PDB file of all heavy atoms in Angstrom:
ATOM      1  N   PHE A   1     -13.542   5.792  22.824  1.00  0.00           N
ATOM      2  CA  PHE A   1     -14.841   6.094  22.185  1.00  0.00           C
ATOM      3  C   PHE A   1     -14.775   5.915  20.680  1.00  0.00           C
ATOM      4  O   PHE A   1     -15.652   5.278  20.073  1.00  0.00           O
ATOM      5  CB  PHE A   1     -15.245   7.536  22.516  1.00  0.00           C
ATOM      6  CG  PHE A   1     -16.496   8.003  21.824  1.00  0.00           C
ATOM      7  CD1 PHE A   1     -17.717   7.966  22.475  1.00  0.00           C
ATOM      8  CD2 PHE A   1     -16.451   8.486  20.518  1.00  0.00           C
ATOM      9  CE1 PHE A   1     -18.877   8.391  21.823  1.00  0.00           C
ATOM     10  CE2 PHE A   1     -17.605   8.909  19.863  1.00  0.00           C
ATOM     11  CZ  PHE A   1     -18.824   8.853  20.527  1.00  0.00           C
ATOM     12  N   MET A   2     -13.731   6.474  20.065  1.00  0.00           N
ATOM     13  CA  MET A   2     -13.628   6.433  18.609  1.00  0.00           C
ATOM     14  C   MET A   2     -13.411   5.015  18.104  1.00  0.00           C
ATOM     15  O   MET A   2     -13.956   4.624  17.059  1.00  0.00           O
ATOM     16  CB  MET A   2     -12.518   7.350  18.125  1.00  0.00           C
ATOM     17  CG  MET A   2     -12.817   8.834  18.274  1.00  0.00           C
ATOM     18  SD  MET A   2     -14.332   9.392  17.434  1.00  0.00           S
ATOM     19  CE  MET A   2     -14.025   8.858  15.757  1.00  0.00           C
ATOM     20  N   HIS A   3     -12.615   4.246  18.812  1.00  0.00           N
ATOM     21  CA  HIS A   3     -12.402   2.874  18.370  1.00  0.00           C
ATOM     22  C   HIS A   3     -13.679   2.045  18.532  1.00  0.00           C
ATOM     23  O   HIS A   3     -14.031   1.260  17.634  1.00  0.00           O
ATOM     24  CB  HIS A   3     -11.232   2.245  19.134  1.00  0.00           C
ATOM     25  CG  HIS A   3      -9.900   2.646  18.594  1.00  0.00           C
ATOM     26  ND1 HIS A   3      -9.292   3.846  18.929  1.00  0.00           N
ATOM     27  CD2 HIS A   3      -9.075   2.047  17.692  1.00  0.00           C
ATOM     28  CE1 HIS A   3      -8.148   3.944  18.276  1.00  0.00           C
ATOM     29  NE2 HIS A   3      -7.983   2.869  17.527  1.00  0.00           N
ATOM     30  N   LYS A   4     -14.355   2.205  19.640  1.00  0.00           N
ATOM     31  CA  LYS A   4     -15.568   1.444  19.882  1.00  0.00           C
ATOM     32  C   LYS A   4     -16.679   1.786  18.895  1.00  0.00           C
ATOM     33  O   LYS A   4     -17.394   0.899  18.403  1.00  0.00           O
ATOM     34  CB  LYS A   4     -16.068   1.709  21.312  1.00  0.00           C
ATOM     35  CG  LYS A   4     -17.394   1.026  21.643  1.00  0.00           C
ATOM     36  CD  LYS A   4     -17.867   1.384  23.042  1.00  0.00           C
ATOM     37  CE  LYS A   4     -19.214   0.762  23.347  1.00  0.00           C
ATOM     38  NZ  LYS A   4     -19.715   1.143  24.708  1.00  0.00           N
ATOM     39  N   ASN A   5     -16.801   3.061  18.553  1.00  0.00           N
ATOM     40  CA  ASN A   5     -17.950   3.515  17.780  1.00  0.00           C
ATOM     41  C   ASN A   5     -17.677   3.743  16.293  1.00  0.00           C
ATOM     42  O   ASN A   5     -18.612   3.991  15.533  1.00  0.00           O
ATOM     43  CB  ASN A   5     -18.507   4.807  18.397  1.00  0.00           C
ATOM     44  CG  ASN A   5     -19.105   4.561  19.757  1.00  0.00           C
ATOM     45  OD1 ASN A   5     -20.101   3.855  19.895  1.00  0.00           O
ATOM     46  ND2 ASN A   5     -18.485   5.128  20.798  1.00  0.00           N
ATOM     47  N   LEU A   6     -16.388   3.645  15.877  1.00  0.00           N
ATOM     48  CA  LEU A   6     -16.096   3.819  14.457  1.00  0.00           C
ATOM     49  C   LEU A   6     -14.905   3.008  13.985  1.00  0.00           C
ATOM     50  O   LEU A   6     -15.026   2.126  13.139  1.00  0.00           O
ATOM     51  CB  LEU A   6     -15.875   5.302  14.134  1.00  0.00           C
ATOM     52  CG  LEU A   6     -15.641   5.626  12.649  1.00  0.00           C
ATOM     53  CD1 LEU A   6     -16.854   5.257  11.809  1.00  0.00           C
ATOM     54  CD2 LEU A   6     -15.272   7.101  12.454  1.00  0.00           C
ATOM     55  N   PHE A   7     -13.721   3.260  14.539  1.00  0.00           N
ATOM     56  CA  PHE A   7     -12.489   2.732  13.957  1.00  0.00           C
ATOM     57  C   PHE A   7     -12.405   1.211  13.956  1.00  0.00           C
ATOM     58  O   PHE A   7     -11.834   0.615  13.034  1.00  0.00           O
ATOM     59  CB  PHE A   7     -11.271   3.323  14.665  1.00  0.00           C
ATOM     60  CG  PHE A   7     -11.126   4.814  14.509  1.00  0.00           C
ATOM     61  CD1 PHE A   7     -10.578   5.578  15.538  1.00  0.00           C
ATOM     62  CD2 PHE A   7     -11.540   5.459  13.370  1.00  0.00           C
ATOM     63  CE1 PHE A   7     -10.428   6.946  15.405  1.00  0.00           C
ATOM     64  CE2 PHE A   7     -11.403   6.844  13.223  1.00  0.00           C
ATOM     65  CZ  PHE A   7     -10.854   7.588  14.255  1.00  0.00           C
ATOM     66  N   ASP A   8     -12.968   0.566  14.973  1.00  0.00           N
ATOM     67  CA  ASP A   8     -12.908  -0.892  15.042  1.00  0.00           C
ATOM     68  C   ASP A   8     -13.794  -1.568  13.990  1.00  0.00           C
ATOM     69  O   ASP A   8     -13.715  -2.788  13.805  1.00  0.00           O
ATOM     70  CB  ASP A   8     -13.318  -1.392  16.430  1.00  0.00           C
ATOM     71  CG  ASP A   8     -12.265  -1.122  17.502  1.00  0.00           C
ATOM     72  OD1 ASP A   8     -11.150  -0.715  17.127  1.00  0.00           O
ATOM     73  OD2 ASP A   8     -12.576  -1.305  18.691  1.00  0.00           O
ATOM     74  N   HIS A   9     -14.612  -0.785  13.299  1.00  0.00           N
ATOM     75  CA  HIS A   9     -15.595  -1.353  12.383  1.00  0.00           C
ATOM     76  C   HIS A   9     -15.356  -0.992  10.919  1.00  0.00           C
ATOM     77  O   HIS A   9     -16.109  -1.430  10.046  1.00  0.00           O
ATOM     78  CB  HIS A   9     -17.001  -0.893  12.797  1.00  0.00           C
ATOM     79  CG  HIS A   9     -17.279  -1.102  14.246  1.00  0.00           C
ATOM     80  ND1 HIS A   9     -17.571  -2.357  14.771  1.00  0.00           N
ATOM     81  CD2 HIS A   9     -17.293  -0.231  15.289  1.00  0.00           C
ATOM     82  CE1 HIS A   9     -17.763  -2.247  16.075  1.00  0.00           C
ATOM     83  NE2 HIS A   9     -17.595  -0.977  16.418  1.00  0.00           N
ATOM     84  N   ILE A  10     -14.359  -0.165  10.657  1.00  0.00           N
ATOM     85  CA  ILE A  10     -14.039   0.235   9.290  1.00  0.00           C
ATOM     86  C   ILE A  10     -12.543   0.021   9.062  1.00  0.00           C
ATOM     87  O   ILE A  10     -11.838  -0.469   9.936  1.00  0.00           O
ATOM     88  CB  ILE A  10     -14.470   1.686   8.982  1.00  0.00           C
ATOM     89  CG1 ILE A  10     -13.782   2.679   9.942  1.00  0.00           C
ATOM     90  CG2 ILE A  10     -15.991   1.822   9.111  1.00  0.00           C
ATOM     91  CD1 ILE A  10     -14.098   4.133   9.613  1.00  0.00           C
ATOM     92  N   ASN A  11     -12.047   0.395   7.891  1.00  0.00           N
ATOM     93  CA  ASN A  11     -10.680  -0.003   7.517  1.00  0.00           C
ATOM     94  C   ASN A  11      -9.707   1.166   7.395  1.00  0.00           C
ATOM     95  O   ASN A  11      -8.830   1.160   6.535  1.00  0.00           O
ATOM     96  CB  ASN A  11     -10.710  -0.806   6.205  1.00  0.00           C
ATOM     97  CG  ASN A  11     -11.169   0.013   4.997  1.00  0.00           C
ATOM     98  OD1 ASN A  11     -11.951   0.964   5.144  1.00  0.00           O
ATOM     99  ND2 ASN A  11     -10.713  -0.359   3.810  1.00  0.00           N
ATOM    100  N   ILE A  12      -9.845   2.173   8.268  1.00  0.00           N
ATOM    101  CA  ILE A  12      -8.816   3.207   8.325  1.00  0.00           C
ATOM    102  C   ILE A  12      -7.571   2.596   8.968  1.00  0.00           C
ATOM    103  O   ILE A  12      -7.660   2.052  10.080  1.00  0.00           O
ATOM    104  CB  ILE A  12      -9.269   4.441   9.121  1.00  0.00           C
ATOM    105  CG1 ILE A  12     -10.499   5.072   8.475  1.00  0.00           C
ATOM    106  CG2 ILE A  12      -8.140   5.472   9.229  1.00  0.00           C
ATOM    107  CD1 ILE A  12     -11.062   6.257   9.249  1.00  0.00           C
ATOM    108  N   PRO A  13      -6.401   2.673   8.342  1.00  0.00           N
ATOM    109  CA  PRO A  13      -5.187   2.129   8.957  1.00  0.00           C
ATOM    110  C   PRO A  13      -4.904   2.818  10.288  1.00  0.00           C
ATOM    111  O   PRO A  13      -5.069   4.041  10.418  1.00  0.00           O
ATOM    112  CB  PRO A  13      -4.102   2.434   7.929  1.00  0.00           C
ATOM    113  CG  PRO A  13      -4.824   2.605   6.624  1.00  0.00           C
ATOM    114  CD  PRO A  13      -6.154   3.217   6.991  1.00  0.00           C
ATOM    115  N   GLU A  14      -4.501   2.040  11.269  1.00  0.00           N
ATOM    116  CA  GLU A  14      -4.233   2.596  12.603  1.00  0.00           C
ATOM    117  C   GLU A  14      -3.228   3.740  12.556  1.00  0.00           C
ATOM    118  O   GLU A  14      -3.357   4.721  13.305  1.00  0.00           O
ATOM    119  CB  GLU A  14      -3.733   1.485  13.531  1.00  0.00           C
ATOM    120  CG  GLU A  14      -3.610   1.881  14.991  1.00  0.00           C
ATOM    121  CD  GLU A  14      -4.947   2.137  15.676  1.00  0.00           C
ATOM    122  OE1 GLU A  14      -5.931   1.477  15.287  1.00  0.00           O
ATOM    123  OE2 GLU A  14      -4.993   2.978  16.593  1.00  0.00           O
ATOM    124  N   GLU A  15      -2.237   3.644  11.683  1.00  0.00           N
ATOM    125  CA  GLU A  15      -1.205   4.695  11.589  1.00  0.00           C
ATOM    126  C   GLU A  15      -1.751   5.996  11.007  1.00  0.00           C
ATOM    127  O   GLU A  15      -1.099   7.034  11.095  1.00  0.00           O
ATOM    128  CB  GLU A  15      -0.018   4.206  10.761  1.00  0.00           C
ATOM    129  CG  GLU A  15      -0.317   3.860   9.321  1.00  0.00           C
ATOM    130  CD  GLU A  15      -0.683   2.395   9.129  1.00  0.00           C
ATOM    131  OE1 GLU A  15      -1.096   1.732  10.113  1.00  0.00           O
ATOM    132  OE2 GLU A  15      -0.538   1.899   7.985  1.00  0.00           O
ATOM    133  N   ASN A  16      -2.957   5.952  10.438  1.00  0.00           N
ATOM    134  CA  ASN A  16      -3.567   7.160   9.878  1.00  0.00           C
ATOM    135  C   ASN A  16      -4.515   7.843  10.864  1.00  0.00           C
ATOM    136  O   ASN A  16      -5.121   8.863  10.536  1.00  0.00           O
ATOM    137  CB  ASN A  16      -4.334   6.837   8.610  1.00  0.00           C
ATOM    138  CG  ASN A  16      -3.433   6.478   7.438  1.00  0.00           C
ATOM    139  OD1 ASN A  16      -2.217   6.411   7.583  1.00  0.00           O
ATOM    140  ND2 ASN A  16      -4.030   6.258   6.271  1.00  0.00           N
ATOM    141  N   ILE A  17      -4.652   7.270  12.066  1.00  0.00           N
ATOM    142  CA  ILE A  17      -5.566   7.803  13.075  1.00  0.00           C
ATOM    143  C   ILE A  17      -4.772   8.655  14.065  1.00  0.00           C
ATOM    144  O   ILE A  17      -3.806   8.186  14.656  1.00  0.00           O
ATOM    145  CB  ILE A  17      -6.271   6.645  13.795  1.00  0.00           C
ATOM    146  CG1 ILE A  17      -7.151   5.858  12.812  1.00  0.00           C
ATOM    147  CG2 ILE A  17      -7.083   7.160  14.977  1.00  0.00           C
ATOM    148  CD1 ILE A  17      -7.707   4.566  13.385  1.00  0.00           C
ATOM    149  N   ASN A  18      -5.206   9.895  14.234  1.00  0.00           N
ATOM    150  CA  ASN A  18      -4.462  10.831  15.073  1.00  0.00           C
ATOM    151  C   ASN A  18      -5.317  11.379  16.215  1.00  0.00           C
ATOM    152  O   ASN A  18      -6.464  11.799  16.007  1.00  0.00           O
ATOM    153  CB  ASN A  18      -3.969  12.017  14.222  1.00  0.00           C
ATOM    154  CG  ASN A  18      -2.958  11.594  13.178  1.00  0.00           C
ATOM    155  OD1 ASN A  18      -1.767  11.483  13.451  1.00  0.00           O
ATOM    156  ND2 ASN A  18      -3.428  11.350  11.950  1.00  0.00           N
ATOM    157  N   PHE A  19      -4.716  11.378  17.403  1.00  0.00           N
ATOM    158  CA  PHE A  19      -5.343  11.948  18.590  1.00  0.00           C
ATOM    159  C   PHE A  19      -4.365  12.890  19.280  1.00  0.00           C
ATOM    160  O   PHE A  19      -3.149  12.644  19.267  1.00  0.00           O
ATOM    161  CB  PHE A  19      -5.706  10.868  19.606  1.00  0.00           C
ATOM    162  CG  PHE A  19      -6.818   9.970  19.223  1.00  0.00           C
ATOM    163  CD1 PHE A  19      -6.561   8.765  18.587  1.00  0.00           C
ATOM    164  CD2 PHE A  19      -8.127  10.292  19.510  1.00  0.00           C
ATOM    165  CE1 PHE A  19      -7.582   7.902  18.233  1.00  0.00           C
ATOM    166  CE2 PHE A  19      -9.164   9.438  19.167  1.00  0.00           C
ATOM    167  CZ  PHE A  19      -8.900   8.239  18.523  1.00  0.00           C
ATOM    168  N   LEU A  20      -4.881  13.913  19.920  1.00  0.00           N
ATOM    169  CA  LEU A  20      -4.085  14.654  20.892  1.00  0.00           C
ATOM    170  C   LEU A  20      -3.831  13.747  22.093  1.00  0.00           C
ATOM    171  O   LEU A  20      -4.739  13.028  22.526  1.00  0.00           O
ATOM    172  CB  LEU A  20      -4.819  15.917  21.337  1.00  0.00           C
ATOM    173  CG  LEU A  20      -4.751  17.118  20.404  1.00  0.00           C
ATOM    174  CD1 LEU A  20      -5.915  18.057  20.651  1.00  0.00           C
ATOM    175  CD2 LEU A  20      -3.421  17.856  20.558  1.00  0.00           C
ATOM    176  N   ASN A  21      -2.625  13.766  22.617  1.00  0.00           N
ATOM    177  CA  ASN A  21      -2.249  12.924  23.749  1.00  0.00           C
ATOM    178  C   ASN A  21      -2.404  13.724  25.043  1.00  0.00           C
ATOM    179  O   ASN A  21      -1.565  14.557  25.382  1.00  0.00           O
ATOM    180  CB  ASN A  21      -0.806  12.434  23.583  1.00  0.00           C
ATOM    181  CG  ASN A  21      -0.366  11.555  24.742  1.00  0.00           C
ATOM    182  OD1 ASN A  21      -1.155  11.202  25.621  1.00  0.00           O
ATOM    183  ND2 ASN A  21       0.904  11.201  24.766  1.00  0.00           N
ATOM    184  N   GLY A  22      -3.476  13.425  25.761  1.00  0.00           N
ATOM    185  CA  GLY A  22      -3.733  14.136  27.013  1.00  0.00           C
ATOM    186  C   GLY A  22      -2.849  13.704  28.156  1.00  0.00           C
ATOM    187  O   GLY A  22      -2.902  14.285  29.247  1.00  0.00           O
ATOM    188  N   ASN A  23      -1.994  12.685  27.922  1.00  0.00           N
ATOM    189  CA  ASN A  23      -1.067  12.219  28.941  1.00  0.00           C
ATOM    190  C   ASN A  23       0.376  12.580  28.618  1.00  0.00           C
ATOM    191  O   ASN A  23       1.309  12.081  29.261  1.00  0.00           O
ATOM    192  CB  ASN A  23      -1.192  10.697  29.101  1.00  0.00           C
ATOM    193  CG  ASN A  23      -2.552  10.296  29.639  1.00  0.00           C
ATOM    194  OD1 ASN A  23      -2.890  10.588  30.773  1.00  0.00           O
ATOM    195  ND2 ASN A  23      -3.360   9.626  28.809  1.00  0.00           N
ATOM    196  N   ALA A  24       0.574  13.418  27.601  1.00  0.00           N
ATOM    197  CA  ALA A  24       1.927  13.830  27.234  1.00  0.00           C
ATOM    198  C   ALA A  24       2.583  14.585  28.393  1.00  0.00           C
ATOM    199  O   ALA A  24       1.911  15.324  29.122  1.00  0.00           O
ATOM    200  CB  ALA A  24       1.893  14.707  25.979  1.00  0.00           C
ATOM    201  N   LYS A  25       3.889  14.411  28.552  1.00  0.00           N
ATOM    202  CA  LYS A  25       4.607  15.123  29.610  1.00  0.00           C
ATOM    203  C   LYS A  25       4.590  16.628  29.378  1.00  0.00           C
ATOM    204  O   LYS A  25       4.494  17.414  30.314  1.00  0.00           O
ATOM    205  CB  LYS A  25       6.049  14.604  29.690  1.00  0.00           C
ATOM    206  CG  LYS A  25       6.171  13.183  30.231  1.00  0.00           C
ATOM    207  CD  LYS A  25       7.626  12.769  30.366  1.00  0.00           C
ATOM    208  CE  LYS A  25       7.736  11.357  30.949  1.00  0.00           C
ATOM    209  NZ  LYS A  25       9.146  10.917  31.095  1.00  0.00           N
ATOM    210  N   ASP A  26       4.705  17.023  28.114  1.00  0.00           N
ATOM    211  CA  ASP A  26       4.690  18.433  27.748  1.00  0.00           C
ATOM    212  C   ASP A  26       3.475  18.677  26.865  1.00  0.00           C
ATOM    213  O   ASP A  26       3.521  18.455  25.655  1.00  0.00           O
ATOM    214  CB  ASP A  26       5.984  18.801  27.017  1.00  0.00           C
ATOM    215  CG  ASP A  26       6.102  20.297  26.737  1.00  0.00           C
ATOM    216  OD1 ASP A  26       5.067  20.987  26.721  1.00  0.00           O
ATOM    217  OD2 ASP A  26       7.241  20.759  26.519  1.00  0.00           O
ATOM    218  N   LEU A  27       2.381  19.118  27.462  1.00  0.00           N
ATOM    219  CA  LEU A  27       1.132  19.280  26.726  1.00  0.00           C
ATOM    220  C   LEU A  27       1.206  20.396  25.698  1.00  0.00           C
ATOM    221  O   LEU A  27       0.602  20.295  24.624  1.00  0.00           O
ATOM    222  CB  LEU A  27      -0.028  19.539  27.700  1.00  0.00           C
ATOM    223  CG  LEU A  27      -0.427  18.360  28.587  1.00  0.00           C
ATOM    224  CD1 LEU A  27      -1.470  18.793  29.611  1.00  0.00           C
ATOM    225  CD2 LEU A  27      -0.965  17.198  27.741  1.00  0.00           C
ATOM    226  N   GLU A  28       1.949  21.438  26.006  1.00  0.00           N
ATOM    227  CA  GLU A  28       2.089  22.546  25.053  1.00  0.00           C
ATOM    228  C   GLU A  28       2.801  22.067  23.799  1.00  0.00           C
ATOM    229  O   GLU A  28       2.412  22.396  22.665  1.00  0.00           O
ATOM    230  CB  GLU A  28       2.845  23.715  25.680  1.00  0.00           C
ATOM    231  CG  GLU A  28       2.164  24.328  26.903  1.00  0.00           C
ATOM    232  CD  GLU A  28       0.861  25.019  26.574  1.00  0.00           C
ATOM    233  OE1 GLU A  28       0.645  25.336  25.391  1.00  0.00           O
ATOM    234  OE2 GLU A  28       0.048  25.228  27.506  1.00  0.00           O
ATOM    235  N   GLN A  29       3.846  21.264  23.973  1.00  0.00           N
ATOM    236  CA  GLN A  29       4.572  20.732  22.830  1.00  0.00           C
ATOM    237  C   GLN A  29       3.701  19.748  22.047  1.00  0.00           C
ATOM    238  O   GLN A  29       3.730  19.714  20.816  1.00  0.00           O
ATOM    239  CB  GLN A  29       5.863  20.053  23.278  1.00  0.00           C
ATOM    240  CG  GLN A  29       6.766  19.588  22.134  1.00  0.00           C
ATOM    241  CD  GLN A  29       7.228  20.742  21.271  1.00  0.00           C
ATOM    242  OE1 GLN A  29       7.735  21.754  21.766  1.00  0.00           O
ATOM    243  NE2 GLN A  29       7.045  20.607  19.955  1.00  0.00           N
ATOM    244  N   GLU A  30       2.918  18.960  22.768  1.00  0.00           N
ATOM    245  CA  GLU A  30       2.001  18.029  22.126  1.00  0.00           C
ATOM    246  C   GLU A  30       1.016  18.773  21.218  1.00  0.00           C
ATOM    247  O   GLU A  30       0.740  18.348  20.096  1.00  0.00           O
ATOM    248  CB  GLU A  30       1.238  17.231  23.178  1.00  0.00           C
ATOM    249  CG  GLU A  30       0.076  16.401  22.668  1.00  0.00           C
ATOM    250  CD  GLU A  30       0.489  15.289  21.716  1.00  0.00           C
ATOM    251  OE1 GLU A  30       1.690  14.922  21.670  1.00  0.00           O
ATOM    252  OE2 GLU A  30      -0.397  14.782  20.996  1.00  0.00           O
ATOM    253  N   CYS A  31       0.518  19.902  21.677  1.00  0.00           N
ATOM    254  CA  CYS A  31      -0.422  20.692  20.885  1.00  0.00           C
ATOM    255  C   CYS A  31       0.257  21.254  19.630  1.00  0.00           C
ATOM    256  O   CYS A  31      -0.323  21.229  18.540  1.00  0.00           O
ATOM    257  CB  CYS A  31      -0.983  21.831  21.730  1.00  0.00           C
ATOM    258  SG  CYS A  31      -2.117  21.278  23.034  1.00  0.00           S
ATOM    259  N   ALA A  32       1.479  21.745  19.785  1.00  0.00           N
ATOM    260  CA  ALA A  32       2.225  22.271  18.641  1.00  0.00           C
ATOM    261  C   ALA A  32       2.508  21.164  17.628  1.00  0.00           C
ATOM    262  O   ALA A  32       2.374  21.375  16.409  1.00  0.00           O
ATOM    263  CB  ALA A  32       3.519  22.916  19.102  1.00  0.00           C
ATOM    264  N   ASP A  33       2.883  19.982  18.115  1.00  0.00           N
ATOM    265  CA  ASP A  33       3.158  18.857  17.236  1.00  0.00           C
ATOM    266  C   ASP A  33       1.903  18.424  16.480  1.00  0.00           C
ATOM    267  O   ASP A  33       1.968  18.024  15.312  1.00  0.00           O
ATOM    268  CB  ASP A  33       3.723  17.677  18.031  1.00  0.00           C
ATOM    269  CG  ASP A  33       5.113  17.930  18.575  1.00  0.00           C
ATOM    270  OD1 ASP A  33       5.774  18.885  18.106  1.00  0.00           O
ATOM    271  OD2 ASP A  33       5.541  17.178  19.479  1.00  0.00           O
ATOM    272  N   TYR A  34       0.764  18.500  17.154  1.00  0.00           N
ATOM    273  CA  TYR A  34      -0.498  18.104  16.521  1.00  0.00           C
ATOM    274  C   TYR A  34      -0.825  19.017  15.341  1.00  0.00           C
ATOM    275  O   TYR A  34      -1.237  18.554  14.277  1.00  0.00           O
ATOM    276  CB  TYR A  34      -1.609  18.135  17.565  1.00  0.00           C
ATOM    277  CG  TYR A  34      -2.827  17.301  17.235  1.00  0.00           C
ATOM    278  CD1 TYR A  34      -2.728  15.926  17.108  1.00  0.00           C
ATOM    279  CD2 TYR A  34      -4.074  17.883  17.098  1.00  0.00           C
ATOM    280  CE1 TYR A  34      -3.846  15.150  16.831  1.00  0.00           C
ATOM    281  CE2 TYR A  34      -5.210  17.119  16.832  1.00  0.00           C
ATOM    282  CZ  TYR A  34      -5.084  15.760  16.696  1.00  0.00           C
ATOM    283  OH  TYR A  34      -6.202  14.979  16.434  1.00  0.00           O
ATOM    284  N   GLU A  35      -0.616  20.305  15.554  1.00  0.00           N
ATOM    285  CA  GLU A  35      -0.845  21.261  14.466  1.00  0.00           C
ATOM    286  C   GLU A  35       0.056  20.942  13.278  1.00  0.00           C
ATOM    287  O   GLU A  35      -0.358  21.009  12.115  1.00  0.00           O
ATOM    288  CB  GLU A  35      -0.604  22.691  14.955  1.00  0.00           C
ATOM    289  CG  GLU A  35      -1.616  23.201  15.958  1.00  0.00           C
ATOM    290  CD  GLU A  35      -2.995  23.406  15.354  1.00  0.00           C
ATOM    291  OE1 GLU A  35      -3.117  23.588  14.136  1.00  0.00           O
ATOM    292  OE2 GLU A  35      -3.989  23.370  16.131  1.00  0.00           O
ATOM    293  N   ASN A  36       1.296  20.591  13.553  1.00  0.00           N
ATOM    294  CA  ASN A  36       2.237  20.258  12.478  1.00  0.00           C
ATOM    295  C   ASN A  36       1.789  19.004  11.733  1.00  0.00           C
ATOM    296  O   ASN A  36       1.933  18.920  10.492  1.00  0.00           O
ATOM    297  CB  ASN A  36       3.650  20.072  13.034  1.00  0.00           C
ATOM    298  CG  ASN A  36       4.289  21.390  13.449  1.00  0.00           C
ATOM    299  OD1 ASN A  36       3.972  22.439  12.885  1.00  0.00           O
ATOM    300  ND2 ASN A  36       5.176  21.339  14.429  1.00  0.00           N
ATOM    301  N   ARG A  37       1.248  18.034  12.459  1.00  0.00           N
ATOM    302  CA  ARG A  37       0.777  16.803  11.820  1.00  0.00           C
ATOM    303  C   ARG A  37      -0.408  17.079  10.895  1.00  0.00           C
ATOM    304  O   ARG A  37      -0.535  16.503   9.822  1.00  0.00           O
ATOM    305  CB  ARG A  37       0.404  15.762  12.870  1.00  0.00           C
ATOM    306  CG  ARG A  37       1.622  15.004  13.400  1.00  0.00           C
ATOM    307  CD  ARG A  37       1.450  14.552  14.843  1.00  0.00           C
ATOM    308  NE  ARG A  37       0.350  13.644  15.079  1.00  0.00           N
ATOM    309  CZ  ARG A  37      -0.115  13.355  16.302  1.00  0.00           C
ATOM    310  NH1 ARG A  37       0.440  13.897  17.367  1.00  0.00           N
ATOM    311  NH2 ARG A  37      -1.117  12.521  16.450  1.00  0.00           N
ATOM    312  N   ILE A  38      -1.280  17.992  11.304  1.00  0.00           N
ATOM    313  CA  ILE A  38      -2.399  18.372  10.447  1.00  0.00           C
ATOM    314  C   ILE A  38      -1.888  19.034   9.167  1.00  0.00           C
ATOM    315  O   ILE A  38      -2.344  18.718   8.050  1.00  0.00           O
ATOM    316  CB  ILE A  38      -3.370  19.320  11.196  1.00  0.00           C
ATOM    317  CG1 ILE A  38      -4.037  18.580  12.363  1.00  0.00           C
ATOM    318  CG2 ILE A  38      -4.430  19.876  10.237  1.00  0.00           C
ATOM    319  CD1 ILE A  38      -4.855  19.478  13.272  1.00  0.00           C
ATOM    320  N   LYS A  39      -0.936  19.929   9.311  1.00  0.00           N
ATOM    321  CA  LYS A  39      -0.361  20.596   8.134  1.00  0.00           C
ATOM    322  C   LYS A  39       0.322  19.606   7.209  1.00  0.00           C
ATOM    323  O   LYS A  39       0.181  19.668   5.983  1.00  0.00           O
ATOM    324  CB  LYS A  39       0.623  21.680   8.577  1.00  0.00           C
ATOM    325  CG  LYS A  39      -0.027  22.867   9.250  1.00  0.00           C
ATOM    326  CD  LYS A  39       1.020  23.863   9.747  1.00  0.00           C
ATOM    327  CE  LYS A  39       0.371  25.020  10.503  1.00  0.00           C
ATOM    328  NZ  LYS A  39       1.385  25.940  11.085  1.00  0.00           N
ATOM    329  N   GLU A  40       1.086  18.685   7.787  1.00  0.00           N
ATOM    330  CA  GLU A  40       1.797  17.683   6.983  1.00  0.00           C
ATOM    331  C   GLU A  40       0.826  16.774   6.235  1.00  0.00           C
ATOM    332  O   GLU A  40       1.155  16.260   5.155  1.00  0.00           O
ATOM    333  CB  GLU A  40       2.707  16.848   7.896  1.00  0.00           C
ATOM    334  CG  GLU A  40       3.919  17.619   8.407  1.00  0.00           C
ATOM    335  CD  GLU A  40       4.660  16.878   9.502  1.00  0.00           C
ATOM    336  OE1 GLU A  40       4.232  15.747   9.851  1.00  0.00           O
ATOM    337  OE2 GLU A  40       5.648  17.424  10.021  1.00  0.00           O
ATOM    338  N   ALA A  41      -0.371  16.583   6.780  1.00  0.00           N
ATOM    339  CA  ALA A  41      -1.384  15.748   6.120  1.00  0.00           C
ATOM    340  C   ALA A  41      -2.115  16.499   5.026  1.00  0.00           C
ATOM    341  O   ALA A  41      -2.923  15.909   4.299  1.00  0.00           O
ATOM    342  CB  ALA A  41      -2.381  15.233   7.162  1.00  0.00           C
ATOM    343  N   GLY A  42      -1.844  17.784   4.896  1.00  0.00           N
ATOM    344  CA  GLY A  42      -2.492  18.589   3.871  1.00  0.00           C
ATOM    345  C   GLY A  42      -3.698  19.364   4.330  1.00  0.00           C
ATOM    346  O   GLY A  42      -4.415  19.960   3.526  1.00  0.00           O
ATOM    347  N   GLY A  43      -3.933  19.384   5.641  1.00  0.00           N
ATOM    348  CA  GLY A  43      -5.093  20.090   6.171  1.00  0.00           C
ATOM    349  C   GLY A  43      -6.332  19.221   6.185  1.00  0.00           C
ATOM    350  O   GLY A  43      -6.407  18.186   5.510  1.00  0.00           O
ATOM    351  N   ILE A  44      -7.308  19.614   6.970  1.00  0.00           N
ATOM    352  CA  ILE A  44      -8.546  18.847   7.130  1.00  0.00           C
ATOM    353  C   ILE A  44      -9.525  19.197   6.010  1.00  0.00           C
ATOM    354  O   ILE A  44      -9.829  20.367   5.782  1.00  0.00           O
ATOM    355  CB  ILE A  44      -9.162  19.106   8.513  1.00  0.00           C
ATOM    356  CG1 ILE A  44      -8.248  18.512   9.603  1.00  0.00           C
ATOM    357  CG2 ILE A  44     -10.569  18.541   8.625  1.00  0.00           C
ATOM    358  CD1 ILE A  44      -8.602  18.901  11.012  1.00  0.00           C
TER     359      ILE A  44
END
């Protein structure tokens, strides 16, 4: 959805785009890692 309706049409670098991975083997760890990535980016 995001690529079709926004990302494919503007110039945000792909490596700067973050999603929660709903197919991760360990979803709890994926959620914890996501929080850490937000903090490392300086917050929203």
